[in-house]
Amino acid sequence: MAPAAPSAQASPGAIAPARDAAGAPRTVKLTVARIDPWSALKLSFLLSVALGIALVVATVILWQVLNGMGVFDDLNGLLRGVGGVKSQFDLYDYVGLGKVISFATLVAVFNVLTIMALTTLVTVLYNIAGSLVGGLNVTLADE
């Protein structure tokens, strides 16, 4: 019996792209016929919560920067000067850090609820339209 010829082996970890008989990359045509509304709701919840957290953090950072630059103190002095010598106006009663964080949190919660509702609605509308026209065609290539 003759020894077998050594076979060519690829290095470990290297994955050769799949090719068809003509040597071109393989392509697959797929159709996104339906999206599960529950999975779209869960994903939109996670992404909108992340955006809400980013909104609150960005608001705190912006407030700290403006306060560090003295913008609120300058505005407070300007508004007291407009009101007269005996004016008891204090800008921090309206744009203090606590009030700004509370407002940003309310906006973030509203955004979470709105994004979740709109995403679920769009998913249901896509499913209705997909059942009428067959869905979205996608071509994937394995290069």
C-alpha atoms as a PDB file:
ATOM      1  CA  MET A   1       0.000   0.000   0.000  1.00  0.00           C
ATOM      2  CA  ALA A   2       1.401   3.392  -0.980  1.00  0.00           C
ATOM      3  CA  PRO A   3       1.595   6.167   1.613  1.00  0.00           C
ATOM      4  CA  ALA A   4      -0.991   8.876   1.277  1.00  0.00           C
ATOM      5  CA  ALA A   5       0.114  12.184  -0.120  1.00  0.00           C
ATOM      6  CA  PRO A   6       0.326  14.945   2.480  1.00  0.00           C
ATOM      7  CA  SER A   7      -2.746  17.134   2.400  1.00  0.00           C
ATOM      8  CA  ALA A   8      -2.578  20.912   2.440  1.00  0.00           C
ATOM      9  CA  GLN A   9      -3.876  22.216   5.739  1.00  0.00           C
ATOM     10  CA  ALA A  10      -4.772  25.763   6.588  1.00  0.00           C
ATOM     11  CA  SER A  11      -3.220  27.304   9.648  1.00  0.00           C
ATOM     12  CA  PRO A  12      -5.299  26.913  12.795  1.00  0.00           C
ATOM     13  CA  GLY A  13      -7.748  29.747  13.269  1.00  0.00           C
ATOM     14  CA  ALA A  14      -7.749  30.783   9.614  1.00  0.00           C
ATOM     15  CA  ILE A  15     -11.128  30.342   7.979  1.00  0.00           C
ATOM     16  CA  ALA A  16     -11.210  30.262   4.217  1.00  0.00           C
ATOM     17  CA  PRO A  17     -14.204  32.029   2.690  1.00  0.00           C
ATOM     18  CA  ALA A  18     -16.773  29.751   1.111  1.00  0.00           C
ATOM     19  CA  ARG A  19     -16.757  29.848  -2.672  1.00  0.00           C
ATOM     20  CA  ASP A  20     -19.066  28.325  -5.209  1.00  0.00           C
ATOM     21  CA  ALA A  21     -17.896  26.172  -8.137  1.00  0.00           C
ATOM     22  CA  ALA A  22     -16.983  29.224 -10.236  1.00  0.00           C
ATOM     23  CA  GLY A  23     -14.830  30.687  -7.442  1.00  0.00           C
ATOM     24  CA  ALA A  24     -17.166  33.584  -6.650  1.00  0.00           C
ATOM     25  CA  PRO A  25     -18.257  34.248  -3.052  1.00  0.00           C
ATOM     26  CA  ARG A  26     -21.378  32.412  -1.996  1.00  0.00           C
ATOM     27  CA  THR A  27     -24.508  34.540  -1.761  1.00  0.00           C
ATOM     28  CA  VAL A  28     -27.732  33.708   0.012  1.00  0.00           C
ATOM     29  CA  LYS A  29     -31.020  35.505  -0.548  1.00  0.00           C
ATOM     30  CA  LEU A  30     -33.162  35.709   2.566  1.00  0.00           C
ATOM     31  CA  THR A  31     -36.496  37.323   3.326  1.00  0.00           C
ATOM     32  CA  VAL A  32     -37.361  38.999   6.615  1.00  0.00           C
ATOM     33  CA  ALA A  33     -41.021  38.025   6.571  1.00  0.00           C
ATOM     34  CA  ARG A  34     -41.939  38.750  10.206  1.00  0.00           C
ATOM     35  CA  ILE A  35     -40.466  40.395  13.295  1.00  0.00           C
ATOM     36  CA  ASP A  36     -41.644  39.253  16.703  1.00  0.00           C
ATOM     37  CA  PRO A  37     -43.170  42.303  18.464  1.00  0.00           C
ATOM     38  CA  TRP A  38     -42.152  40.994  21.898  1.00  0.00           C
ATOM     39  CA  SER A  39     -38.467  40.745  20.929  1.00  0.00           C
ATOM     40  CA  ALA A  40     -38.624  44.202  19.315  1.00  0.00           C
ATOM     41  CA  LEU A  41     -40.164  45.559  22.527  1.00  0.00           C
ATOM     42  CA  LYS A  42     -37.424  44.031  24.696  1.00  0.00           C
ATOM     43  CA  LEU A  43     -34.635  45.305  22.443  1.00  0.00           C
ATOM     44  CA  SER A  44     -36.134  48.793  22.211  1.00  0.00           C
ATOM     45  CA  PHE A  45     -36.490  48.862  26.009  1.00  0.00           C
ATOM     46  CA  LEU A  46     -32.814  48.072  26.536  1.00  0.00           C
ATOM     47  CA  LEU A  47     -31.622  50.574  23.944  1.00  0.00           C
ATOM     48  CA  SER A  48     -33.938  53.345  25.130  1.00  0.00           C
ATOM     49  CA  VAL A  49     -32.879  52.831  28.767  1.00  0.00           C
ATOM     50  CA  ALA A  50     -29.258  53.164  27.647  1.00  0.00           C
ATOM     51  CA  LEU A  51     -30.152  56.384  25.813  1.00  0.00           C
ATOM     52  CA  GLY A  52     -32.011  57.636  28.900  1.00  0.00           C
ATOM     53  CA  ILE A  53     -29.003  57.011  31.127  1.00  0.00           C
ATOM     54  CA  ALA A  54     -26.782  58.776  28.600  1.00  0.00           C
ATOM     55  CA  LEU A  55     -29.192  61.734  28.566  1.00  0.00           C
ATOM     56  CA  VAL A  56     -29.106  62.121  32.350  1.00  0.00           C
ATOM     57  CA  VAL A  57     -25.311  61.771  32.522  1.00  0.00           C
ATOM     58  CA  ALA A  58     -24.825  64.266  29.671  1.00  0.00           C
ATOM     59  CA  THR A  59     -27.167  66.705  31.407  1.00  0.00           C
ATOM     60  CA  VAL A  60     -25.210  66.472  34.667  1.00  0.00           C
ATOM     61  CA  ILE A  61     -21.903  66.967  32.842  1.00  0.00           C
ATOM     62  CA  LEU A  62     -23.244  69.961  30.905  1.00  0.00           C
ATOM     63  CA  TRP A  63     -24.642  71.530  34.086  1.00  0.00           C
ATOM     64  CA  GLN A  64     -21.320  71.032  35.888  1.00  0.00           C
ATOM     65  CA  VAL A  65     -19.393  72.603  33.007  1.00  0.00           C
ATOM     66  CA  LEU A  66     -21.714  75.618  32.846  1.00  0.00           C
ATOM     67  CA  ASN A  67     -21.611  76.015  36.620  1.00  0.00           C
ATOM     68  CA  GLY A  68     -17.811  75.727  36.650  1.00  0.00           C
ATOM     69  CA  MET A  69     -17.569  78.443  34.010  1.00  0.00           C
ATOM     70  CA  GLY A  70     -19.722  80.715  36.170  1.00  0.00           C
ATOM     71  CA  VAL A  71     -22.551  81.043  33.666  1.00  0.00           C
ATOM     72  CA  PHE A  72     -25.280  80.606  36.278  1.00  0.00           C
ATOM     73  CA  ASP A  73     -23.661  83.118  38.644  1.00  0.00           C
ATOM     74  CA  ASP A  74     -23.355  85.695  35.857  1.00  0.00           C
ATOM     75  CA  LEU A  75     -26.966  85.170  34.804  1.00  0.00           C
ATOM     76  CA  ASN A  76     -28.075  85.363  38.411  1.00  0.00           C
ATOM     77  CA  GLY A  77     -26.295  88.706  38.841  1.00  0.00           C
ATOM     78  CA  LEU A  78     -27.739  90.015  35.584  1.00  0.00           C
ATOM     79  CA  LEU A  79     -31.296  89.015  36.495  1.00  0.00           C
ATOM     80  CA  ARG A  80     -30.950  90.512  39.987  1.00  0.00           C
ATOM     81  CA  GLY A  81     -29.720  93.766  38.406  1.00  0.00           C
ATOM     82  CA  VAL A  82     -32.733  93.868  36.103  1.00  0.00           C
ATOM     83  CA  GLY A  83     -35.082  93.246  39.038  1.00  0.00           C
ATOM     84  CA  GLY A  84     -33.715  96.084  41.137  1.00  0.00           C
ATOM     85  CA  VAL A  85     -31.521  96.396  44.231  1.00  0.00           C
ATOM     86  CA  LYS A  86     -33.961  94.633  46.559  1.00  0.00           C
ATOM     87  CA  SER A  87     -34.635  91.743  44.215  1.00  0.00           C
ATOM     88  CA  GLN A  88     -34.624  88.364  45.926  1.00  0.00           C
ATOM     89  CA  PHE A  89     -34.466  86.418  42.656  1.00  0.00           C
ATOM     90  CA  ASP A  90     -32.220  83.364  42.694  1.00  0.00           C
ATOM     91  CA  LEU A  91     -31.632  81.480  39.452  1.00  0.00           C
ATOM     92  CA  TYR A  92     -30.587  78.336  41.326  1.00  0.00           C
ATOM     93  CA  ASP A  93     -34.195  77.957  42.529  1.00  0.00           C
ATOM     94  CA  TYR A  94     -35.089  77.203  38.906  1.00  0.00           C
ATOM     95  CA  VAL A  95     -31.972  75.587  37.425  1.00  0.00           C
ATOM     96  CA  GLY A  96     -30.343  73.992  40.447  1.00  0.00           C
ATOM     97  CA  LEU A  97     -28.656  70.635  39.888  1.00  0.00           C
ATOM     98  CA  GLY A  98     -31.418  68.711  41.658  1.00  0.00           C
ATOM     99  CA  LYS A  99     -34.174  70.257  39.551  1.00  0.00           C
ATOM    100  CA  VAL A 100     -32.219  69.757  36.332  1.00  0.00           C
ATOM    101  CA  ILE A 101     -31.546  66.088  37.133  1.00  0.00           C
ATOM    102  CA  SER A 102     -35.211  65.565  38.021  1.00  0.00           C
ATOM    103  CA  PHE A 103     -36.344  67.116  34.745  1.00  0.00           C
ATOM    104  CA  ALA A 104     -33.799  65.123  32.726  1.00  0.00           C
ATOM    105  CA  THR A 105     -34.958  61.918  34.434  1.00  0.00           C
ATOM    106  CA  LEU A 106     -38.589  62.690  33.607  1.00  0.00           C
ATOM    107  CA  VAL A 107     -37.651  63.333  29.976  1.00  0.00           C
ATOM    108  CA  ALA A 108     -35.653  60.088  29.890  1.00  0.00           C
ATOM    109  CA  VAL A 109     -38.585  58.058  31.269  1.00  0.00           C
ATOM    110  CA  PHE A 110     -40.930  59.679  28.744  1.00  0.00           C
ATOM    111  CA  ASN A 111     -38.455  58.840  25.962  1.00  0.00           C
ATOM    112  CA  VAL A 112     -38.217  55.203  27.108  1.00  0.00           C
ATOM    113  CA  LEU A 113     -41.988  54.793  27.039  1.00  0.00           C
ATOM    114  CA  THR A 114     -42.368  56.602  23.718  1.00  0.00           C
ATOM    115  CA  ILE A 115     -39.581  54.672  21.984  1.00  0.00           C
ATOM    116  CA  MET A 116     -40.953  51.353  23.235  1.00  0.00           C
ATOM    117  CA  ALA A 117     -44.471  52.158  22.039  1.00  0.00           C
ATOM    118  CA  LEU A 118     -43.334  53.435  18.639  1.00  0.00           C
ATOM    119  CA  THR A 119     -41.019  50.484  18.063  1.00  0.00           C
ATOM    120  CA  THR A 120     -43.776  48.001  18.851  1.00  0.00           C
ATOM    121  CA  LEU A 121     -46.210  49.871  16.623  1.00  0.00           C
ATOM    122  CA  VAL A 122     -43.732  49.966  13.736  1.00  0.00           C
ATOM    123  CA  THR A 123     -43.067  46.242  14.194  1.00  0.00           C
ATOM    124  CA  VAL A 124     -46.773  45.425  13.988  1.00  0.00           C
ATOM    125  CA  LEU A 125     -47.142  47.658  10.926  1.00  0.00           C
ATOM    126  CA  TYR A 126     -44.136  45.967   9.307  1.00  0.00           C
ATOM    127  CA  ASN A 127     -45.674  42.548   9.945  1.00  0.00           C
ATOM    128  CA  ILE A 128     -48.932  43.658   8.313  1.00  0.00           C
ATOM    129  CA  ALA A 129     -47.101  45.129   5.316  1.00  0.00           C
ATOM    130  CA  GLY A 130     -44.812  42.083   5.126  1.00  0.00           C
ATOM    131  CA  SER A 131     -47.771  39.748   4.950  1.00  0.00           C
ATOM    132  CA  LEU A 132     -49.134  41.774   2.031  1.00  0.00           C
ATOM    133  CA  VAL A 133     -45.948  42.167  -0.035  1.00  0.00           C
ATOM    134  CA  GLY A 134     -43.817  39.274   1.177  1.00  0.00           C
ATOM    135  CA  GLY A 135     -41.333  40.995   3.465  1.00  0.00           C
ATOM    136  CA  LEU A 136     -37.906  42.530   3.016  1.00  0.00           C
ATOM    137  CA  ASN A 137     -35.437  40.724   0.747  1.00  0.00           C
ATOM    138  CA  VAL A 138     -31.827  40.657   1.931  1.00  0.00           C
ATOM    139  CA  THR A 139     -28.820  39.207   0.101  1.00  0.00           C
ATOM    140  CA  LEU A 140     -25.933  37.989   2.271  1.00  0.00           C
ATOM    141  CA  ALA A 141     -22.480  37.290   0.818  1.00  0.00           C
ATOM    142  CA  ASP A 142     -19.859  35.025   2.366  1.00  0.00           C
ATOM    143  CA  GLU A 143     -16.605  36.696   1.357  1.00  0.00           C
END
